């Protein structure tokens, strides 16, 4: 899970700081019928969502006789009820360092506070 930075207060106590959501993303969900193998990302779920986008790894894979570059990102956003654990989403980063990058979710984590979802971490890959 993403580690929040520590902050010292004037009284000397240490607390976790909130993550600054400086980036903006647009989220489209898969509108293909019945688990089709060809997703159709035409249904807009949310536009200009504040997010923190982190590139966590990257590399190359050999598939057949071709080398394919892959990059993994973690997108942290406030809870959106339209995204479920098995929801396929296309995320377009529209501001920040990775502006214009299109990535796709492959894992969703919910962060809870008092048994209620508060934040979401969308683990994504580039294609």
N, C-alpha and C. Protein backbone atom coordinates (compact mmCIF):
# COMPACT_ATOMS: atom_id res chain seq x y z
N UNK A 1 0.82 -1.17 0.00
CA UNK A 1 0.00 0.00 0.00
C UNK A 1 0.87 1.24 0.00
N UNK A 2 0.32 2.31 -0.47
CA UNK A 2 1.04 3.54 -0.57
C UNK A 2 1.31 4.12 0.81
N UNK A 3 2.55 4.53 1.05
CA UNK A 3 2.94 5.07 2.34
C UNK A 3 2.75 6.58 2.35
N UNK A 4 2.06 7.07 3.33
CA UNK A 4 1.85 8.50 3.47
C UNK A 4 3.06 9.11 4.18
N UNK A 5 3.51 10.31 3.79
CA UNK A 5 4.67 10.91 4.44
C UNK A 5 4.36 11.33 5.87
N UNK A 6 5.38 11.26 6.73
CA UNK A 6 5.23 11.68 8.12
C UNK A 6 5.40 13.18 8.23
N UNK A 7 4.66 13.81 9.13
CA UNK A 7 4.79 15.24 9.39
C UNK A 7 4.92 15.46 10.88
N UNK A 8 5.78 16.38 11.26
CA UNK A 8 5.95 16.77 12.66
C UNK A 8 5.12 18.00 12.94
N UNK A 9 4.36 17.99 14.01
CA UNK A 9 3.61 19.17 14.40
C UNK A 9 4.45 20.00 15.37
N UNK A 10 3.97 21.20 15.69
CA UNK A 10 4.69 22.08 16.61
C UNK A 10 4.83 21.46 17.99
N UNK A 11 3.88 20.62 18.39
CA UNK A 11 3.94 20.00 19.71
C UNK A 11 4.84 18.76 19.73
N UNK A 12 5.38 18.39 18.58
CA UNK A 12 6.30 17.26 18.52
C UNK A 12 5.64 15.93 18.18
N UNK A 13 4.32 15.92 18.00
CA UNK A 13 3.65 14.67 17.65
C UNK A 13 3.80 14.41 16.15
N UNK A 14 3.81 13.16 15.79
CA UNK A 14 3.95 12.77 14.39
C UNK A 14 2.63 12.24 13.89
N UNK A 15 2.25 12.66 12.70
CA UNK A 15 1.02 12.16 12.09
C UNK A 15 1.24 11.96 10.61
N UNK A 16 0.37 11.20 10.01
CA UNK A 16 0.44 10.95 8.58
C UNK A 16 -0.24 12.09 7.84
N UNK A 17 0.39 12.53 6.76
CA UNK A 17 -0.18 13.60 5.94
C UNK A 17 -1.07 13.00 4.87
N UNK A 18 -1.98 13.80 4.37
CA UNK A 18 -2.82 13.33 3.26
C UNK A 18 -2.05 13.48 1.96
N UNK A 19 -2.43 12.67 0.98
CA UNK A 19 -1.77 12.73 -0.32
C UNK A 19 -2.35 13.89 -1.11
N UNK A 20 -1.48 14.67 -1.71
CA UNK A 20 -1.92 15.78 -2.55
C UNK A 20 -2.30 15.23 -3.92
N UNK A 21 -3.52 15.43 -4.31
CA UNK A 21 -3.98 14.92 -5.60
C UNK A 21 -3.83 16.04 -6.63
N UNK A 22 -2.65 16.10 -7.26
CA UNK A 22 -2.31 17.19 -8.18
C UNK A 22 -2.69 16.91 -9.62
N UNK A 23 -2.86 15.65 -9.96
CA UNK A 23 -3.16 15.28 -11.34
C UNK A 23 -4.67 15.22 -11.55
N UNK A 24 -5.08 15.19 -12.80
CA UNK A 24 -6.50 15.02 -13.16
C UNK A 24 -6.59 13.88 -14.16
N UNK A 25 -7.60 13.02 -13.96
CA UNK A 25 -7.81 11.88 -14.85
C UNK A 25 -9.26 11.81 -15.28
N UNK A 26 -9.48 11.19 -16.43
CA UNK A 26 -10.81 10.89 -16.93
C UNK A 26 -10.94 9.37 -16.96
N UNK A 27 -12.06 8.86 -16.46
CA UNK A 27 -12.25 7.41 -16.35
C UNK A 27 -13.41 6.97 -17.23
N UNK A 28 -13.13 6.04 -18.15
CA UNK A 28 -14.15 5.40 -18.98
C UNK A 28 -14.24 3.93 -18.55
N UNK A 29 -15.46 3.40 -18.46
CA UNK A 29 -15.63 1.99 -18.11
C UNK A 29 -15.99 1.19 -19.35
N UNK A 30 -15.75 -0.10 -19.27
CA UNK A 30 -16.02 -1.01 -20.37
C UNK A 30 -17.53 -1.14 -20.58
N UNK A 31 -17.99 -0.81 -21.79
CA UNK A 31 -19.41 -0.89 -22.11
C UNK A 31 -19.73 -2.10 -22.98
N UNK A 32 -18.76 -2.99 -23.21
CA UNK A 32 -18.99 -4.18 -24.03
C UNK A 32 -19.93 -5.13 -23.29
N UNK A 33 -20.74 -5.84 -24.04
CA UNK A 33 -21.75 -6.70 -23.44
C UNK A 33 -21.17 -8.04 -23.02
N UNK A 34 -21.61 -8.51 -21.85
CA UNK A 34 -21.39 -9.89 -21.40
C UNK A 34 -19.96 -10.36 -21.35
N UNK A 35 -19.03 -9.57 -20.88
CA UNK A 35 -17.65 -10.03 -20.72
C UNK A 35 -16.93 -10.27 -22.03
N UNK A 36 -17.21 -9.46 -23.02
CA UNK A 36 -16.56 -9.59 -24.33
C UNK A 36 -15.05 -9.46 -24.19
N UNK A 37 -14.31 -10.18 -25.02
CA UNK A 37 -12.85 -10.11 -24.96
C UNK A 37 -12.32 -8.81 -25.57
N UNK A 38 -13.17 -8.11 -26.34
CA UNK A 38 -12.78 -6.81 -26.89
C UNK A 38 -13.52 -5.71 -26.15
N UNK A 39 -12.84 -5.06 -25.19
CA UNK A 39 -13.52 -4.02 -24.42
C UNK A 39 -13.84 -2.79 -25.26
N UNK A 40 -14.90 -2.12 -24.89
CA UNK A 40 -15.33 -0.89 -25.55
C UNK A 40 -15.45 0.20 -24.49
N UNK A 41 -14.48 1.08 -24.45
CA UNK A 41 -14.43 2.11 -23.40
C UNK A 41 -15.14 3.37 -23.88
N UNK A 42 -16.46 3.28 -24.03
CA UNK A 42 -17.24 4.41 -24.53
C UNK A 42 -18.09 5.07 -23.46
N UNK A 43 -18.25 4.43 -22.32
CA UNK A 43 -19.11 4.96 -21.25
C UNK A 43 -18.26 5.77 -20.26
N UNK A 44 -18.50 7.08 -20.20
CA UNK A 44 -17.77 7.96 -19.29
C UNK A 44 -18.29 7.79 -17.87
N UNK A 45 -17.39 7.48 -16.93
CA UNK A 45 -17.77 7.36 -15.53
C UNK A 45 -17.52 8.66 -14.78
N UNK A 46 -16.37 9.27 -15.00
CA UNK A 46 -16.03 10.51 -14.29
C UNK A 46 -15.00 11.29 -15.10
N UNK A 47 -15.15 12.60 -15.11
CA UNK A 47 -14.23 13.48 -15.83
C UNK A 47 -13.51 14.39 -14.84
N UNK A 48 -12.26 14.68 -15.13
CA UNK A 48 -11.44 15.60 -14.34
C UNK A 48 -11.42 15.24 -12.85
N UNK A 49 -11.18 13.97 -12.57
CA UNK A 49 -11.11 13.48 -11.19
C UNK A 49 -9.74 13.82 -10.62
N UNK A 50 -9.67 14.47 -9.43
CA UNK A 50 -8.37 14.72 -8.80
C UNK A 50 -7.71 13.38 -8.43
N UNK A 51 -6.44 13.25 -8.76
CA UNK A 51 -5.75 11.97 -8.53
C UNK A 51 -4.27 12.21 -8.28
N UNK A 52 -3.64 11.20 -7.69
CA UNK A 52 -2.18 11.16 -7.55
C UNK A 52 -1.72 9.98 -8.39
N UNK A 53 -0.94 10.25 -9.44
CA UNK A 53 -0.48 9.21 -10.36
C UNK A 53 0.99 8.96 -10.10
N UNK A 54 1.32 7.70 -9.81
CA UNK A 54 2.71 7.31 -9.57
C UNK A 54 3.09 6.20 -10.52
N UNK A 55 4.25 6.35 -11.17
CA UNK A 55 4.79 5.27 -11.99
C UNK A 55 5.62 4.40 -11.06
N UNK A 56 5.24 3.14 -10.91
CA UNK A 56 5.89 2.28 -9.92
C UNK A 56 6.87 1.28 -10.52
N UNK A 57 6.73 0.94 -11.79
CA UNK A 57 7.70 0.05 -12.42
C UNK A 57 7.54 0.13 -13.92
N UNK A 58 8.52 -0.39 -14.61
CA UNK A 58 8.48 -0.43 -16.06
C UNK A 58 9.46 -1.47 -16.54
N UNK A 59 9.29 -1.89 -17.75
CA UNK A 59 10.20 -2.89 -18.29
C UNK A 59 9.77 -3.34 -19.67
N UNK A 60 10.41 -4.39 -20.13
CA UNK A 60 10.09 -4.93 -21.45
C UNK A 60 9.84 -6.42 -21.33
N UNK A 61 8.91 -6.91 -22.13
CA UNK A 61 8.60 -8.33 -22.18
C UNK A 61 8.76 -8.79 -23.62
N UNK A 62 9.20 -10.01 -23.78
CA UNK A 62 9.31 -10.58 -25.12
C UNK A 62 8.08 -11.44 -25.35
N UNK A 63 7.32 -11.10 -26.39
CA UNK A 63 6.14 -11.86 -26.78
C UNK A 63 6.36 -12.34 -28.21
N UNK A 64 6.58 -13.63 -28.33
CA UNK A 64 6.90 -14.15 -29.66
C UNK A 64 8.25 -13.61 -30.10
N UNK A 65 8.25 -12.88 -31.21
CA UNK A 65 9.49 -12.28 -31.70
C UNK A 65 9.50 -10.77 -31.52
N UNK A 66 8.55 -10.26 -30.72
CA UNK A 66 8.47 -8.82 -30.51
C UNK A 66 8.77 -8.47 -29.06
N UNK A 67 9.38 -7.31 -28.87
CA UNK A 67 9.63 -6.78 -27.54
C UNK A 67 8.54 -5.77 -27.24
N UNK A 68 7.84 -5.95 -26.11
CA UNK A 68 6.73 -5.09 -25.74
C UNK A 68 7.07 -4.35 -24.45
N UNK A 69 6.98 -3.02 -24.49
CA UNK A 69 7.26 -2.21 -23.30
C UNK A 69 6.01 -2.14 -22.43
N UNK A 70 6.18 -2.32 -21.12
CA UNK A 70 5.06 -2.21 -20.18
C UNK A 70 5.46 -1.27 -19.05
N UNK A 71 4.52 -0.50 -18.60
CA UNK A 71 4.73 0.39 -17.46
C UNK A 71 3.55 0.20 -16.53
N UNK A 72 3.83 0.20 -15.24
CA UNK A 72 2.79 0.03 -14.24
C UNK A 72 2.64 1.33 -13.45
N UNK A 73 1.40 1.74 -13.25
CA UNK A 73 1.08 2.96 -12.53
C UNK A 73 0.13 2.63 -11.39
N UNK A 74 0.14 3.46 -10.35
CA UNK A 74 -0.86 3.42 -9.29
C UNK A 74 -1.53 4.78 -9.28
N UNK A 75 -2.86 4.78 -9.45
CA UNK A 75 -3.65 6.00 -9.45
C UNK A 75 -4.47 6.02 -8.17
N UNK A 76 -4.23 6.99 -7.29
CA UNK A 76 -4.97 7.12 -6.04
C UNK A 76 -6.03 8.20 -6.21
N UNK A 77 -7.30 7.82 -5.95
CA UNK A 77 -8.41 8.76 -6.08
C UNK A 77 -9.34 8.59 -4.89
N UNK A 78 -10.23 9.56 -4.70
CA UNK A 78 -11.28 9.41 -3.71
C UNK A 78 -12.24 8.32 -4.19
N UNK A 79 -12.96 7.71 -3.29
CA UNK A 79 -13.86 6.60 -3.62
C UNK A 79 -14.91 7.02 -4.66
N UNK A 80 -15.04 6.21 -5.70
CA UNK A 80 -16.08 6.36 -6.72
C UNK A 80 -16.94 5.10 -6.71
N UNK A 81 -18.23 5.20 -6.43
CA UNK A 81 -19.06 4.00 -6.32
C UNK A 81 -19.22 3.24 -7.63
N UNK A 82 -18.93 3.84 -8.77
CA UNK A 82 -19.11 3.16 -10.05
C UNK A 82 -18.02 2.18 -10.41
N UNK A 83 -16.94 2.14 -9.65
CA UNK A 83 -15.83 1.23 -9.94
C UNK A 83 -15.88 0.07 -8.96
N UNK A 84 -15.93 -1.15 -9.49
CA UNK A 84 -15.96 -2.36 -8.66
C UNK A 84 -14.64 -3.09 -8.79
N UNK A 85 -14.47 -4.15 -8.01
CA UNK A 85 -13.21 -4.89 -8.02
C UNK A 85 -12.89 -5.50 -9.38
N UNK A 86 -13.91 -5.90 -10.14
CA UNK A 86 -13.66 -6.54 -11.42
C UNK A 86 -13.97 -5.64 -12.62
N UNK A 87 -14.12 -4.36 -12.38
CA UNK A 87 -14.45 -3.40 -13.44
C UNK A 87 -13.23 -3.11 -14.31
N UNK A 88 -13.40 -3.20 -15.64
CA UNK A 88 -12.33 -2.81 -16.55
C UNK A 88 -12.50 -1.33 -16.88
N UNK A 89 -11.44 -0.56 -16.68
CA UNK A 89 -11.51 0.89 -16.90
C UNK A 89 -10.34 1.35 -17.76
N UNK A 90 -10.60 2.38 -18.53
CA UNK A 90 -9.55 3.09 -19.26
C UNK A 90 -9.38 4.44 -18.59
N UNK A 91 -8.18 4.76 -18.21
CA UNK A 91 -7.90 6.02 -17.53
C UNK A 91 -7.01 6.86 -18.41
N UNK A 92 -7.46 8.08 -18.69
CA UNK A 92 -6.67 9.03 -19.46
C UNK A 92 -6.19 10.11 -18.51
N UNK A 93 -4.88 10.28 -18.43
CA UNK A 93 -4.30 11.30 -17.56
C UNK A 93 -4.31 12.61 -18.34
N UNK A 94 -5.01 13.62 -17.80
CA UNK A 94 -5.20 14.86 -18.56
C UNK A 94 -4.43 16.05 -17.99
N UNK A 95 -3.70 15.85 -16.90
CA UNK A 95 -2.81 16.90 -16.41
C UNK A 95 -1.73 16.26 -15.56
N UNK A 96 -0.63 16.97 -15.41
CA UNK A 96 0.46 16.46 -14.60
C UNK A 96 1.60 15.94 -15.46
N UNK A 97 2.51 15.24 -14.83
CA UNK A 97 3.72 14.75 -15.48
C UNK A 97 3.41 13.78 -16.62
N UNK A 98 2.40 12.93 -16.45
CA UNK A 98 2.08 11.90 -17.44
C UNK A 98 0.91 12.32 -18.33
N UNK A 99 0.74 13.62 -18.55
CA UNK A 99 -0.35 14.16 -19.36
C UNK A 99 -0.44 13.46 -20.72
N UNK A 100 -1.64 13.02 -21.08
CA UNK A 100 -1.86 12.36 -22.37
C UNK A 100 -1.68 10.86 -22.35
N UNK A 101 -1.24 10.29 -21.25
CA UNK A 101 -1.03 8.85 -21.15
C UNK A 101 -2.36 8.14 -20.92
N UNK A 102 -2.57 7.04 -21.66
CA UNK A 102 -3.76 6.23 -21.49
C UNK A 102 -3.33 4.91 -20.86
N UNK A 103 -3.97 4.56 -19.73
CA UNK A 103 -3.64 3.34 -19.01
C UNK A 103 -4.92 2.56 -18.70
N UNK A 104 -4.76 1.28 -18.34
CA UNK A 104 -5.91 0.39 -18.14
C UNK A 104 -5.78 -0.32 -16.80
N UNK A 105 -6.89 -0.38 -16.05
CA UNK A 105 -6.85 -1.02 -14.73
C UNK A 105 -6.73 -2.53 -14.84
N UNK A 106 -6.00 -3.10 -13.89
CA UNK A 106 -5.97 -4.56 -13.78
C UNK A 106 -6.19 -5.00 -12.34
N UNK A 107 -6.20 -4.04 -11.40
CA UNK A 107 -6.47 -4.36 -10.00
C UNK A 107 -7.00 -3.11 -9.31
N UNK A 108 -7.95 -3.29 -8.40
CA UNK A 108 -8.53 -2.18 -7.64
C UNK A 108 -8.44 -2.50 -6.15
N UNK A 109 -7.92 -1.54 -5.38
CA UNK A 109 -7.85 -1.68 -3.92
C UNK A 109 -8.65 -0.55 -3.29
N UNK A 110 -9.44 -0.90 -2.28
CA UNK A 110 -10.21 0.09 -1.53
C UNK A 110 -9.52 0.33 -0.20
N UNK A 111 -9.36 1.60 0.18
CA UNK A 111 -8.87 1.97 1.50
C UNK A 111 -10.07 2.37 2.32
N UNK A 112 -10.23 1.76 3.49
CA UNK A 112 -11.43 2.01 4.29
C UNK A 112 -11.10 2.85 5.52
N UNK A 113 -12.11 3.53 6.01
CA UNK A 113 -12.04 4.28 7.25
C UNK A 113 -13.34 4.01 7.99
N UNK A 114 -13.24 3.35 9.13
CA UNK A 114 -14.42 2.96 9.91
C UNK A 114 -15.38 2.10 9.08
N UNK A 115 -14.81 1.14 8.39
CA UNK A 115 -15.55 0.16 7.58
C UNK A 115 -16.27 0.76 6.38
N UNK A 116 -15.93 1.97 5.99
CA UNK A 116 -16.51 2.60 4.80
C UNK A 116 -15.39 2.91 3.82
N UNK A 117 -15.62 2.67 2.53
CA UNK A 117 -14.57 3.00 1.56
C UNK A 117 -14.31 4.50 1.52
N UNK A 118 -13.03 4.85 1.54
CA UNK A 118 -12.65 6.26 1.56
C UNK A 118 -11.86 6.63 0.30
N UNK A 119 -10.84 5.85 0.00
CA UNK A 119 -10.00 6.08 -1.17
C UNK A 119 -9.91 4.81 -1.99
N UNK A 120 -9.43 4.97 -3.22
CA UNK A 120 -9.23 3.83 -4.10
C UNK A 120 -7.83 3.91 -4.70
N UNK A 121 -7.21 2.76 -4.85
CA UNK A 121 -5.96 2.67 -5.59
C UNK A 121 -6.23 1.82 -6.81
N UNK A 122 -6.05 2.41 -7.96
CA UNK A 122 -6.25 1.71 -9.23
C UNK A 122 -4.86 1.33 -9.75
N UNK A 123 -4.58 0.05 -9.79
CA UNK A 123 -3.30 -0.43 -10.32
C UNK A 123 -3.50 -0.62 -11.82
N UNK A 124 -2.68 0.06 -12.60
CA UNK A 124 -2.91 0.13 -14.05
C UNK A 124 -1.65 -0.25 -14.82
N UNK A 125 -1.87 -0.60 -16.08
CA UNK A 125 -0.79 -0.91 -17.02
C UNK A 125 -1.00 -0.14 -18.30
N UNK A 126 0.09 0.19 -18.93
CA UNK A 126 0.00 0.76 -20.29
C UNK A 126 -0.04 -0.42 -21.26
N UNK A 127 -0.58 -0.18 -22.44
CA UNK A 127 -0.65 -1.28 -23.43
C UNK A 127 0.22 -0.98 -24.60
